[in-house]
Amino acid sequence: MKIKISVALFFFSTPLFQGCSSSETEKEQSDAEAAGLRIAYNVLLNEETDNYEVFSMDLSGENRVNITNLEGLEWAYDAWKDRLFYVSDKDTTHRVYFLYETDAFGEVHRRVSRYRLRDSWMSTRNNGKEIIVNPRVEGDSAFYILNTQTGQLVSKIYTNKRSYNDPCFSPNGSRVVFRGSDMAFKKDNGYVDELYIINADGSGIRQLTHYPPDDTLSMWYEYHAAPPIWEPNRDIITYASVQGGNSSIFEIKPDGTNQRKITPDSLHATWHSWSPNGKWLVFDGYIRADTVKNYDIFLMNFSEKTIERLTYDTLYQQAPVFVETRMNE
């Protein structure tokens, strides 16, 4: 039996692990949500063969299942209810990705579209009927919005940025926040990736984040602004950034105000996802004080400011996403 261990951390001046103060009703609601949600995440099973798989588990960290179980590379990056979207090179060659979907347990798999994709986060709108992706199409430099049933192209968004990736729809689908730069490559001198917001028709682009100009501790390959997630319940955008030598998750309002760090300095935290009601934040990272800095999956109760570490093995685990089970229907 797995023994869960609380991580002794601090969220600003508030203890992350507090005594129980929730009512029985709140606990029942929490248990009901946990029963209807799983966490899908990416696991490096074999570094030599570059074999990544998508696993899923309960919010308790129990009942883990390999839901892709293929040779090659599979990465999950988004979900709409019980539809989990992932990229894979299973039908092509090494690291040539196409888009697929499955469910929380990997019972049914389906190829979504004919477009080759870049390694990028993605996002759905219109009740999961459309998804925005970053395709690898020769001679084109746009985000594509695809119909998730037919795979057909709905529209394109041109950002006019030399580097653009990781698009995420606003809650109503009218805007997109993405990670971009005026320089093409991370190794370019002076490269800084920032978050930008653009209307879904390609108009009105504006810069959202501004990396501290006096912070020189990040390495060229580290994020100034990592893939953004738009949390609809509080209308905030969250992203990770390496500042002061550590990767933390920040939140910011869509108008660029109220920026603040929401993970403690005791943790290195990067890729993340929100539960549908905004109560749970799941992310990958490691405890900075640990001798071996292995990437694991952590779950934060955002209202209570408690964090639990869900995985404890030596595997490299990343990019968690909430996906509903069919019992929610």
C-alpha atoms as a PDB file:
ATOM      1  CA  MET A   1       0.000   0.000   0.000  1.00  0.00           C
ATOM      2  CA  LYS A   2       1.238   3.446  -0.878  1.00  0.00           C
ATOM      3  CA  ILE A   3       1.865   5.696   2.112  1.00  0.00           C
ATOM      4  CA  LYS A   4       1.181   9.355   1.413  1.00  0.00           C
ATOM      5  CA  ILE A   5       3.655  11.789   2.929  1.00  0.00           C
ATOM      6  CA  SER A   6       2.919  15.455   3.459  1.00  0.00           C
ATOM      7  CA  VAL A   7       5.537  17.850   2.133  1.00  0.00           C
ATOM      8  CA  ALA A   8       6.500  20.410   4.772  1.00  0.00           C
ATOM      9  CA  LEU A   9       6.554  23.644   2.809  1.00  0.00           C
ATOM     10  CA  PHE A  10       5.387  27.207   3.223  1.00  0.00           C
ATOM     11  CA  PHE A  11       3.173  29.327   0.996  1.00  0.00           C
ATOM     12  CA  PHE A  12       4.395  32.830   1.775  1.00  0.00           C
ATOM     13  CA  SER A  13       3.475  33.153   5.493  1.00  0.00           C
ATOM     14  CA  THR A  14       0.709  30.515   5.435  1.00  0.00           C
ATOM     15  CA  PRO A  15       1.449  26.881   6.321  1.00  0.00           C
ATOM     16  CA  LEU A  16       0.802  24.589   3.385  1.00  0.00           C
ATOM     17  CA  PHE A  17      -0.374  21.746   5.573  1.00  0.00           C
ATOM     18  CA  GLN A  18      -3.012  22.804   8.061  1.00  0.00           C
ATOM     19  CA  GLY A  19      -5.498  21.073  10.295  1.00  0.00           C
ATOM     20  CA  CYS A  20      -8.838  19.989   8.874  1.00  0.00           C
ATOM     21  CA  SER A  21     -11.370  22.815   8.898  1.00  0.00           C
ATOM     22  CA  SER A  22     -13.687  21.758   6.048  1.00  0.00           C
ATOM     23  CA  SER A  23     -17.275  20.833   6.754  1.00  0.00           C
ATOM     24  CA  GLU A  24     -18.556  17.329   6.042  1.00  0.00           C
ATOM     25  CA  THR A  25     -20.460  18.708   3.058  1.00  0.00           C
ATOM     26  CA  GLU A  26     -17.323  20.255   1.588  1.00  0.00           C
ATOM     27  CA  LYS A  27     -15.453  16.994   2.121  1.00  0.00           C
ATOM     28  CA  GLU A  28     -18.191  15.029   0.375  1.00  0.00           C
ATOM     29  CA  GLN A  29     -18.077  17.449  -2.562  1.00  0.00           C
ATOM     30  CA  SER A  30     -14.296  17.128  -2.709  1.00  0.00           C
ATOM     31  CA  ASP A  31     -14.498  13.332  -2.601  1.00  0.00           C
ATOM     32  CA  ALA A  32     -17.121  13.356  -5.349  1.00  0.00           C
ATOM     33  CA  GLU A  33     -14.934  15.505  -7.593  1.00  0.00           C
ATOM     34  CA  ALA A  34     -11.871  13.380  -6.912  1.00  0.00           C
ATOM     35  CA  ALA A  35     -13.877  10.281  -7.869  1.00  0.00           C
ATOM     36  CA  GLY A  36     -14.773  11.825 -11.233  1.00  0.00           C
ATOM     37  CA  LEU A  37     -11.317  13.163 -12.133  1.00  0.00           C
ATOM     38  CA  ARG A  38      -8.002  11.610 -12.989  1.00  0.00           C
ATOM     39  CA  ILE A  39      -4.611  13.143 -13.689  1.00  0.00           C
ATOM     40  CA  ALA A  40      -2.946  12.269 -16.983  1.00  0.00           C
ATOM     41  CA  TYR A  41       0.792  12.912 -17.151  1.00  0.00           C
ATOM     42  CA  ASN A  42       3.802  12.073 -19.289  1.00  0.00           C
ATOM     43  CA  VAL A  43       6.443   9.586 -18.193  1.00  0.00           C
ATOM     44  CA  LEU A  44       9.906   8.929 -19.609  1.00  0.00           C
ATOM     45  CA  LEU A  45      10.125   5.140 -19.392  1.00  0.00           C
ATOM     46  CA  ASN A  46      13.291   4.651 -21.410  1.00  0.00           C
ATOM     47  CA  GLU A  47      15.665   7.533 -22.107  1.00  0.00           C
ATOM     48  CA  GLU A  48      17.850   5.467 -24.437  1.00  0.00           C
ATOM     49  CA  THR A  49      14.960   4.724 -26.816  1.00  0.00           C
ATOM     50  CA  ASP A  50      13.196   8.060 -26.165  1.00  0.00           C
ATOM     51  CA  ASN A  51      10.104   6.162 -25.031  1.00  0.00           C
ATOM     52  CA  TYR A  52       7.573   8.483 -23.390  1.00  0.00           C
ATOM     53  CA  GLU A  53       4.173   7.193 -22.301  1.00  0.00           C
ATOM     54  CA  VAL A  54       1.001   8.805 -20.983  1.00  0.00           C
ATOM     55  CA  PHE A  55      -0.130   7.537 -17.588  1.00  0.00           C
ATOM     56  CA  SER A  56      -3.215   8.422 -15.576  1.00  0.00           C
ATOM     57  CA  MET A  57      -3.946   8.152 -11.849  1.00  0.00           C
ATOM     58  CA  ASP A  58      -6.482   9.130  -9.223  1.00  0.00           C
ATOM     59  CA  LEU A  59      -6.125  12.459  -7.427  1.00  0.00           C
ATOM     60  CA  SER A  60      -4.790  10.423  -4.505  1.00  0.00           C
ATOM     61  CA  GLY A  61      -1.912   9.162  -6.643  1.00  0.00           C
ATOM     62  CA  GLU A  62      -3.350   5.643  -6.665  1.00  0.00           C
ATOM     63  CA  ASN A  63      -4.510   3.322  -9.491  1.00  0.00           C
ATOM     64  CA  ARG A  64      -1.904   4.319 -12.061  1.00  0.00           C
ATOM     65  CA  VAL A  65      -2.390   3.071 -15.603  1.00  0.00           C
ATOM     66  CA  ASN A  66      -0.202   3.339 -18.706  1.00  0.00           C
ATOM     67  CA  ILE A  67      -2.861   4.497 -21.174  1.00  0.00           C
ATOM     68  CA  THR A  68      -0.704   4.605 -24.334  1.00  0.00           C
ATOM     69  CA  ASN A  69       1.770   1.726 -23.853  1.00  0.00           C
ATOM     70  CA  LEU A  70       3.521   2.075 -27.210  1.00  0.00           C
ATOM     71  CA  GLU A  71       7.057   2.275 -28.517  1.00  0.00           C
ATOM     72  CA  GLY A  72       8.136   5.807 -29.269  1.00  0.00           C
ATOM     73  CA  LEU A  73       6.840   9.080 -27.920  1.00  0.00           C
ATOM     74  CA  GLU A  74       3.440  10.119 -26.568  1.00  0.00           C
ATOM     75  CA  TRP A  75       2.788  13.401 -24.743  1.00  0.00           C
ATOM     76  CA  ALA A  76      -0.607  14.537 -23.416  1.00  0.00           C
ATOM     77  CA  TYR A  77      -1.179  18.294 -23.416  1.00  0.00           C
ATOM     78  CA  ASP A  78      -4.905  19.018 -23.034  1.00  0.00           C
ATOM     79  CA  ALA A  79      -8.284  17.532 -22.159  1.00  0.00           C
ATOM     80  CA  TRP A  80     -11.926  18.448 -22.574  1.00  0.00           C
ATOM     81  CA  LYS A  81     -14.034  16.546 -20.033  1.00  0.00           C
ATOM     82  CA  ASP A  82     -13.223  12.864 -20.762  1.00  0.00           C
ATOM     83  CA  ARG A  83     -11.439  13.545 -24.073  1.00  0.00           C
ATOM     84  CA  LEU A  84      -7.665  13.544 -23.617  1.00  0.00           C
ATOM     85  CA  PHE A  85      -5.590  14.965 -26.478  1.00  0.00           C
ATOM     86  CA  TYR A  86      -2.011  13.867 -27.016  1.00  0.00           C
ATOM     87  CA  VAL A  87       0.717  13.941 -29.668  1.00  0.00           C
ATOM     88  CA  SER A  88       2.459  10.811 -30.859  1.00  0.00           C
ATOM     89  CA  ASP A  89       4.973   9.605 -33.446  1.00  0.00           C
ATOM     90  CA  LYS A  90       3.493   6.089 -33.456  1.00  0.00           C
ATOM     91  CA  ASP A  91       2.309   6.176 -37.093  1.00  0.00           C
ATOM     92  CA  THR A  92       5.331   7.988 -38.530  1.00  0.00           C
ATOM     93  CA  THR A  93       8.953   8.237 -37.466  1.00  0.00           C
ATOM     94  CA  HIS A  94      10.910   9.483 -34.479  1.00  0.00           C
ATOM     95  CA  ARG A  95       9.537  12.809 -33.163  1.00  0.00           C
ATOM     96  CA  VAL A  96       7.243  13.439 -36.120  1.00  0.00           C
ATOM     97  CA  TYR A  97       4.042  14.184 -34.231  1.00  0.00           C
ATOM     98  CA  PHE A  98       0.348  13.965 -35.061  1.00  0.00           C
ATOM     99  CA  LEU A  99      -2.662  14.616 -32.855  1.00  0.00           C
ATOM    100  CA  TYR A 100      -4.675  11.841 -31.202  1.00  0.00           C
ATOM    101  CA  GLU A 101      -7.318  11.547 -28.537  1.00  0.00           C
ATOM    102  CA  THR A 102      -8.189   8.920 -25.970  1.00  0.00           C
ATOM    103  CA  ASP A 103      -9.989   8.676 -22.620  1.00  0.00           C
ATOM    104  CA  ALA A 104      -8.834   8.613 -18.999  1.00  0.00           C
ATOM    105  CA  PHE A 105      -8.039   4.890 -19.166  1.00  0.00           C
ATOM    106  CA  GLY A 106      -6.782   4.605 -22.754  1.00  0.00           C
ATOM    107  CA  GLU A 107      -9.618   2.332 -23.848  1.00  0.00           C
ATOM    108  CA  VAL A 108     -10.171   3.978 -27.251  1.00  0.00           C
ATOM    109  CA  HIS A 109      -7.631   5.860 -29.387  1.00  0.00           C
ATOM    110  CA  ARG A 110      -8.344   7.984 -32.448  1.00  0.00           C
ATOM    111  CA  ARG A 111      -6.203  10.106 -34.757  1.00  0.00           C
ATOM    112  CA  VAL A 112      -7.680  13.602 -34.893  1.00  0.00           C
ATOM    113  CA  SER A 113      -6.092  15.313 -37.898  1.00  0.00           C
ATOM    114  CA  ARG A 114      -3.693  14.991 -40.832  1.00  0.00           C
ATOM    115  CA  TYR A 115      -1.570  17.980 -39.787  1.00  0.00           C
ATOM    116  CA  ARG A 116       1.910  17.372 -38.462  1.00  0.00           C
ATOM    117  CA  LEU A 117       2.393  19.233 -35.155  1.00  0.00           C
ATOM    118  CA  ARG A 118       5.166  20.937 -33.276  1.00  0.00           C
ATOM    119  CA  ASP A 119       5.860  20.042 -29.653  1.00  0.00           C
ATOM    120  CA  SER A 120       3.381  22.439 -28.080  1.00  0.00           C
ATOM    121  CA  TRP A 121       0.612  22.713 -25.541  1.00  0.00           C
ATOM    122  CA  MET A 122      -2.866  23.141 -27.006  1.00  0.00           C
ATOM    123  CA  SER A 123      -6.336  24.180 -25.905  1.00  0.00           C
ATOM    124  CA  THR A 124      -9.996  23.571 -26.759  1.00  0.00           C
ATOM    125  CA  ARG A 125     -13.056  25.803 -27.050  1.00  0.00           C
ATOM    126  CA  ASN A 126     -16.720  25.506 -28.048  1.00  0.00           C
ATOM    127  CA  ASN A 127     -17.341  22.540 -25.730  1.00  0.00           C
ATOM    128  CA  GLY A 128     -14.362  20.647 -27.078  1.00  0.00           C
ATOM    129  CA  LYS A 129     -15.449  20.940 -30.703  1.00  0.00           C
ATOM    130  CA  GLU A 130     -12.392  22.991 -31.689  1.00  0.00           C
ATOM    131  CA  ILE A 131      -8.745  22.850 -30.664  1.00  0.00           C
ATOM    132  CA  ILE A 132      -5.888  25.290 -31.274  1.00  0.00           C
ATOM    133  CA  VAL A 133      -2.549  23.695 -32.168  1.00  0.00           C
ATOM    134  CA  ASN A 134       0.871  24.703 -33.477  1.00  0.00           C
ATOM    135  CA  PRO A 135       1.360  22.836 -36.759  1.00  0.00           C
ATOM    136  CA  ARG A 136       4.574  22.160 -38.617  1.00  0.00           C
ATOM    137  CA  VAL A 137       3.472  23.157 -42.124  1.00  0.00           C
ATOM    138  CA  GLU A 138       6.129  24.191 -44.626  1.00  0.00           C
ATOM    139  CA  GLY A 139       5.692  27.784 -45.737  1.00  0.00           C
ATOM    140  CA  ASP A 140       3.139  28.659 -43.046  1.00  0.00           C
ATOM    141  CA  SER A 141       3.611  30.280 -39.634  1.00  0.00           C
ATOM    142  CA  ALA A 142       0.242  30.310 -37.920  1.00  0.00           C
ATOM    143  CA  PHE A 143      -1.644  28.636 -35.121  1.00  0.00           C
ATOM    144  CA  TYR A 144      -4.350  26.368 -36.572  1.00  0.00           C
ATOM    145  CA  ILE A 145      -7.815  25.956 -35.095  1.00  0.00           C
ATOM    146  CA  LEU A 146      -9.093  22.491 -35.971  1.00  0.00           C
ATOM    147  CA  ASN A 147     -12.430  20.716 -35.730  1.00  0.00           C
ATOM    148  CA  THR A 148     -11.784  17.917 -33.230  1.00  0.00           C
ATOM    149  CA  GLN A 149     -14.230  15.516 -34.887  1.00  0.00           C
ATOM    150  CA  THR A 150     -13.225  15.906 -38.537  1.00  0.00           C
ATOM    151  CA  GLY A 151      -9.689  17.244 -38.126  1.00  0.00           C
ATOM    152  CA  GLN A 152     -10.443  19.918 -40.704  1.00  0.00           C
ATOM    153  CA  LEU A 153      -8.976  23.411 -40.517  1.00  0.00           C
ATOM    154  CA  VAL A 154     -11.412  26.004 -39.142  1.00  0.00           C
ATOM    155  CA  SER A 155      -9.185  29.092 -39.144  1.00  0.00           C
ATOM    156  CA  LYS A 156      -5.628  30.364 -38.658  1.00  0.00           C
ATOM    157  CA  ILE A 157      -4.074  32.927 -36.327  1.00  0.00           C
ATOM    158  CA  TYR A 158      -0.913  34.748 -37.427  1.00  0.00           C
ATOM    159  CA  THR A 159       1.008  36.304 -34.528  1.00  0.00           C
ATOM    160  CA  ASN A 160       3.857  37.893 -36.529  1.00  0.00           C
ATOM    161  CA  LYS A 161       6.273  36.636 -33.895  1.00  0.00           C
ATOM    162  CA  ARG A 162       9.399  34.787 -34.992  1.00  0.00           C
ATOM    163  CA  SER A 163       8.883  32.332 -32.140  1.00  0.00           C
ATOM    164  CA  TYR A 164       5.354  31.321 -31.113  1.00  0.00           C
ATOM    165  CA  ASN A 165       4.113  28.303 -29.188  1.00  0.00           C
ATOM    166  CA  ASP A 166       1.789  26.900 -26.509  1.00  0.00           C
ATOM    167  CA  PRO A 167      -1.532  28.629 -27.382  1.00  0.00           C
ATOM    168  CA  CYS A 168      -4.377  28.639 -24.853  1.00  0.00           C
ATOM    169  CA  PHE A 169      -7.939  29.872 -25.410  1.00  0.00           C
ATOM    170  CA  SER A 170      -9.664  32.313 -23.083  1.00  0.00           C
ATOM    171  CA  PRO A 171     -12.729  30.818 -21.318  1.00  0.00           C
ATOM    172  CA  ASN A 172     -15.109  32.084 -24.032  1.00  0.00           C
ATOM    173  CA  GLY A 173     -12.711  31.265 -26.868  1.00  0.00           C
ATOM    174  CA  SER A 174     -12.488  34.830 -28.177  1.00  0.00           C
ATOM    175  CA  ARG A 175      -8.822  35.350 -27.252  1.00  0.00           C
ATOM    176  CA  VAL A 176      -5.621  33.333 -27.140  1.00  0.00           C
ATOM    177  CA  VAL A 177      -2.667  33.651 -24.791  1.00  0.00           C
ATOM    178  CA  PHE A 178       0.598  32.176 -26.057  1.00  0.00           C
ATOM    179  CA  ARG A 179       4.339  32.136 -25.480  1.00  0.00           C
ATOM    180  CA  GLY A 180       6.314  34.105 -28.031  1.00  0.00           C
ATOM    181  CA  SER A 181       9.448  36.067 -28.874  1.00  0.00           C
ATOM    182  CA  ASP A 182      10.757  38.410 -31.550  1.00  0.00           C
ATOM    183  CA  MET A 183      13.794  36.141 -31.822  1.00  0.00           C
ATOM    184  CA  ALA A 184      13.601  32.737 -33.457  1.00  0.00           C
ATOM    185  CA  PHE A 185      15.785  30.555 -31.238  1.00  0.00           C
ATOM    186  CA  LYS A 186      16.484  30.290 -27.516  1.00  0.00           C
ATOM    187  CA  LYS A 187      20.234  30.366 -28.157  1.00  0.00           C
ATOM    188  CA  ASP A 188      19.951  33.769 -29.840  1.00  0.00           C
ATOM    189  CA  ASN A 189      21.655  36.479 -27.793  1.00  0.00           C
ATOM    190  CA  GLY A 190      18.994  38.405 -25.867  1.00  0.00           C
ATOM    191  CA  TYR A 191      16.210  35.889 -26.423  1.00  0.00           C
ATOM    192  CA  VAL A 192      13.369  36.295 -23.920  1.00  0.00           C
ATOM    193  CA  ASP A 193      10.056  34.469 -24.231  1.00  0.00           C
ATOM    194  CA  GLU A 194       7.036  36.393 -22.948  1.00  0.00           C
ATOM    195  CA  LEU A 195       3.293  35.806 -22.873  1.00  0.00           C
ATOM    196  CA  TYR A 196       1.151  37.604 -25.433  1.00  0.00           C
ATOM    197  CA  ILE A 197      -2.628  37.869 -25.847  1.00  0.00           C
ATOM    198  CA  ILE A 198      -4.227  38.043 -29.278  1.00  0.00           C
ATOM    199  CA  ASN A 199      -7.830  38.028 -30.458  1.00  0.00           C
ATOM    200  CA  ALA A 200      -8.945  34.800 -32.134  1.00  0.00           C
ATOM    201  CA  ASP A 201      -9.321  36.693 -35.417  1.00  0.00           C
ATOM    202  CA  GLY A 202      -5.615  37.638 -35.283  1.00  0.00           C
ATOM    203  CA  SER A 203      -6.092  41.263 -34.229  1.00  0.00           C
ATOM    204  CA  GLY A 204      -5.094  43.236 -31.142  1.00  0.00           C
ATOM    205  CA  ILE A 205      -1.923  41.461 -30.063  1.00  0.00           C
ATOM    206  CA  ARG A 206      -0.369  42.814 -26.859  1.00  0.00           C
ATOM    207  CA  GLN A 207       2.364  41.726 -24.486  1.00  0.00           C
ATOM    208  CA  LEU A 208       1.195  40.391 -21.129  1.00  0.00           C
ATOM    209  CA  THR A 209       4.331  39.542 -19.119  1.00  0.00           C
ATOM    210  CA  HIS A 210       7.604  41.418 -18.701  1.00  0.00           C
ATOM    211  CA  TYR A 211      10.569  39.431 -17.441  1.00  0.00           C
ATOM    212  CA  PRO A 212      12.626  41.321 -14.807  1.00  0.00           C
ATOM    213  CA  PRO A 213      15.452  42.913 -16.831  1.00  0.00           C
ATOM    214  CA  ASP A 214      17.915  42.708 -13.921  1.00  0.00           C
ATOM    215  CA  ASP A 215      17.408  38.938 -13.419  1.00  0.00           C
ATOM    216  CA  THR A 216      20.424  37.232 -14.978  1.00  0.00           C
ATOM    217  CA  LEU A 217      20.269  33.889 -13.172  1.00  0.00           C
ATOM    218  CA  SER A 218      18.258  31.937 -15.754  1.00  0.00           C
ATOM    219  CA  MET A 219      20.094  29.805 -18.311  1.00  0.00           C
ATOM    220  CA  TRP A 220      19.423  30.146 -22.054  1.00  0.00           C
ATOM    221  CA  TYR A 221      17.348  26.949 -22.143  1.00  0.00           C
ATOM    222  CA  GLU A 222      15.112  27.873 -19.192  1.00  0.00           C
ATOM    223  CA  TYR A 223      11.698  29.506 -19.347  1.00  0.00           C
ATOM    224  CA  HIS A 224      11.195  33.225 -18.918  1.00  0.00           C
ATOM    225  CA  ALA A 225       7.508  32.467 -19.455  1.00  0.00           C
ATOM    226  CA  ALA A 226       6.403  28.841 -19.683  1.00  0.00           C
ATOM    227  CA  PRO A 227       3.202  27.531 -21.345  1.00  0.00           C
ATOM    228  CA  PRO A 228       0.189  29.504 -20.035  1.00  0.00           C
ATOM    229  CA  ILE A 229      -3.078  28.128 -18.633  1.00  0.00           C
ATOM    230  CA  TRP A 230      -6.233  30.295 -18.487  1.00  0.00           C
ATOM    231  CA  GLU A 231      -8.173  29.476 -15.305  1.00  0.00           C
ATOM    232  CA  PRO A 232     -11.809  30.561 -15.872  1.00  0.00           C
ATOM    233  CA  ASN A 233     -13.219  30.602 -12.335  1.00  0.00           C
ATOM    234  CA  ARG A 234     -11.044  33.556 -11.256  1.00  0.00           C
ATOM    235  CA  ASP A 235     -10.191  34.743 -14.779  1.00  0.00           C
ATOM    236  CA  ILE A 236      -6.452  34.435 -14.238  1.00  0.00           C
ATOM    237  CA  ILE A 237      -3.615  33.220 -16.419  1.00  0.00           C
ATOM    238  CA  THR A 238      -0.957  31.063 -14.801  1.00  0.00           C
ATOM    239  CA  TYR A 239       2.507  30.284 -16.114  1.00  0.00           C
ATOM    240  CA  ALA A 240       5.912  29.237 -14.825  1.00  0.00           C
ATOM    241  CA  SER A 241       8.990  31.421 -14.922  1.00  0.00           C
ATOM    242  CA  VAL A 242      12.588  30.923 -13.807  1.00  0.00           C
ATOM    243  CA  GLN A 243      13.274  33.935 -11.617  1.00  0.00           C
ATOM    244  CA  GLY A 244      15.919  34.299  -8.944  1.00  0.00           C
ATOM    245  CA  GLY A 245      17.347  30.962 -10.036  1.00  0.00           C
ATOM    246  CA  ASN A 246      14.176  28.927  -9.419  1.00  0.00           C
ATOM    247  CA  SER A 247      11.153  27.954 -11.504  1.00  0.00           C
ATOM    248  CA  SER A 248       7.870  28.980  -9.866  1.00  0.00           C
ATOM    249  CA  ILE A 249       4.264  29.247 -11.007  1.00  0.00           C
ATOM    250  CA  PHE A 250       2.856  32.768 -11.238  1.00  0.00           C
ATOM    251  CA  GLU A 251      -0.627  34.121 -11.812  1.00  0.00           C
ATOM    252  CA  ILE A 252      -1.584  37.309 -13.630  1.00  0.00           C
ATOM    253  CA  LYS A 253      -4.840  38.932 -14.716  1.00  0.00           C
ATOM    254  CA  PRO A 254      -5.532  39.149 -18.460  1.00  0.00           C
ATOM    255  CA  ASP A 255      -5.073  42.926 -18.257  1.00  0.00           C
ATOM    256  CA  GLY A 256      -1.544  42.446 -16.883  1.00  0.00           C
ATOM    257  CA  THR A 257      -2.312  43.366 -13.261  1.00  0.00           C
ATOM    258  CA  ASN A 258      -2.122  41.457  -9.964  1.00  0.00           C
ATOM    259  CA  GLN A 259       0.879  39.348 -10.859  1.00  0.00           C
ATOM    260  CA  ARG A 260       2.056  37.151  -7.989  1.00  0.00           C
ATOM    261  CA  LYS A 261       3.869  33.910  -7.303  1.00  0.00           C
ATOM    262  CA  ILE A 262       1.617  31.043  -6.167  1.00  0.00           C
ATOM    263  CA  THR A 263       4.072  28.205  -5.487  1.00  0.00           C
ATOM    264  CA  PRO A 264       6.592  28.283  -2.637  1.00  0.00           C
ATOM    265  CA  ASP A 265      10.313  28.808  -3.080  1.00  0.00           C
ATOM    266  CA  SER A 266      10.849  25.349  -1.557  1.00  0.00           C
ATOM    267  CA  LEU A 267       9.575  23.809  -4.792  1.00  0.00           C
ATOM    268  CA  HIS A 268      10.767  23.908  -8.380  1.00  0.00           C
ATOM    269  CA  ALA A 269       7.469  23.951 -10.348  1.00  0.00           C
ATOM    270  CA  THR A 270       6.792  24.255 -14.069  1.00  0.00           C
ATOM    271  CA  TRP A 271       4.078  22.620 -16.218  1.00  0.00           C
ATOM    272  CA  HIS A 272       0.643  22.575 -14.625  1.00  0.00           C
ATOM    273  CA  SER A 273      -3.122  22.348 -15.049  1.00  0.00           C
ATOM    274  CA  TRP A 274      -6.282  23.425 -13.190  1.00  0.00           C
ATOM    275  CA  SER A 275      -9.246  21.260 -12.225  1.00  0.00           C
ATOM    276  CA  PRO A 276     -12.570  22.314 -13.819  1.00  0.00           C
ATOM    277  CA  ASN A 277     -13.755  24.183 -10.698  1.00  0.00           C
ATOM    278  CA  GLY A 278     -10.367  25.796 -10.020  1.00  0.00           C
ATOM    279  CA  LYS A 279      -9.918  24.092  -6.661  1.00  0.00           C
ATOM    280  CA  TRP A 280      -6.954  21.904  -7.610  1.00  0.00           C
ATOM    281  CA  LEU A 281      -3.669  22.877  -9.226  1.00  0.00           C
ATOM    282  CA  VAL A 282      -1.544  19.955 -10.398  1.00  0.00           C
ATOM    283  CA  PHE A 283       2.058  20.507 -11.482  1.00  0.00           C
ATOM    284  CA  ASP A 284       5.377  18.806 -12.068  1.00  0.00           C
ATOM    285  CA  GLY A 285       8.567  19.625 -10.233  1.00  0.00           C
ATOM    286  CA  TYR A 286      10.806  18.656  -7.373  1.00  0.00           C
ATOM    287  CA  ILE A 287      11.627  19.624  -3.798  1.00  0.00           C
ATOM    288  CA  ARG A 288      14.679  21.846  -4.020  1.00  0.00           C
ATOM    289  CA  ALA A 289      16.185  20.504  -0.787  1.00  0.00           C
ATOM    290  CA  ASP A 290      16.225  16.924  -2.108  1.00  0.00           C
ATOM    291  CA  THR A 291      19.622  15.550  -3.056  1.00  0.00           C
ATOM    292  CA  VAL A 292      18.207  13.855  -6.155  1.00  0.00           C
ATOM    293  CA  LYS A 293      16.052  16.350  -8.038  1.00  0.00           C
ATOM    294  CA  ASN A 294      13.658  13.981  -9.759  1.00  0.00           C
ATOM    295  CA  TYR A 295      10.575  15.401 -11.472  1.00  0.00           C
ATOM    296  CA  ASP A 296       7.397  14.212  -9.776  1.00  0.00           C
ATOM    297  CA  ILE A 297       3.722  15.214  -9.749  1.00  0.00           C
ATOM    298  CA  PHE A 298       2.333  17.494  -7.000  1.00  0.00           C
ATOM    299  CA  LEU A 299      -1.253  18.453  -6.199  1.00  0.00           C
ATOM    300  CA  MET A 300      -2.196  21.755  -4.546  1.00  0.00           C
ATOM    301  CA  ASN A 301      -5.525  22.480  -2.884  1.00  0.00           C
ATOM    302  CA  PHE A 302      -5.514  26.114  -3.930  1.00  0.00           C
ATOM    303  CA  SER A 303      -8.057  27.413  -1.397  1.00  0.00           C
ATOM    304  CA  GLU A 304      -6.468  25.661   1.582  1.00  0.00           C
ATOM    305  CA  LYS A 305      -2.878  26.198   0.365  1.00  0.00           C
ATOM    306  CA  THR A 306      -1.884  22.577   0.924  1.00  0.00           C
ATOM    307  CA  ILE A 307       0.361  20.542  -1.344  1.00  0.00           C
ATOM    308  CA  GLU A 308       0.737  16.793  -1.626  1.00  0.00           C
ATOM    309  CA  ARG A 309       3.377  14.911  -3.548  1.00  0.00           C
ATOM    310  CA  LEU A 310       1.684  12.165  -5.589  1.00  0.00           C
ATOM    311  CA  THR A 311       4.616  10.272  -7.131  1.00  0.00           C
ATOM    312  CA  TYR A 312       7.763   9.015  -5.432  1.00  0.00           C
ATOM    313  CA  ASP A 313       9.623   6.858  -7.942  1.00  0.00           C
ATOM    314  CA  THR A 314      12.734   7.576 -10.029  1.00  0.00           C
ATOM    315  CA  LEU A 315      10.876   8.109 -13.317  1.00  0.00           C
ATOM    316  CA  TYR A 316      10.832  11.523 -15.003  1.00  0.00           C
ATOM    317  CA  GLN A 317       7.186  12.673 -14.841  1.00  0.00           C
ATOM    318  CA  GLN A 318       5.817  15.895 -16.310  1.00  0.00           C
ATOM    319  CA  ALA A 319       2.969  17.953 -17.841  1.00  0.00           C
ATOM    320  CA  PRO A 320      -0.040  16.784 -15.775  1.00  0.00           C
ATOM    321  CA  VAL A 321      -3.560  17.373 -17.117  1.00  0.00           C
ATOM    322  CA  PHE A 322      -6.942  16.794 -15.460  1.00  0.00           C
ATOM    323  CA  VAL A 323      -9.256  14.482 -17.385  1.00  0.00           C
ATOM    324  CA  GLU A 324     -12.765  13.448 -16.397  1.00  0.00           C
ATOM    325  CA  THR A 325     -13.883   9.841 -16.266  1.00  0.00           C
ATOM    326  CA  ARG A 326     -17.099   8.765 -17.946  1.00  0.00           C
ATOM    327  CA  MET A 327     -18.768   8.377 -14.544  1.00  0.00           C
ATOM    328  CA  ASN A 328     -19.188  12.167 -14.675  1.00  0.00           C
ATOM    329  CA  GLU A 329     -21.620  11.878 -17.588  1.00  0.00           C
END
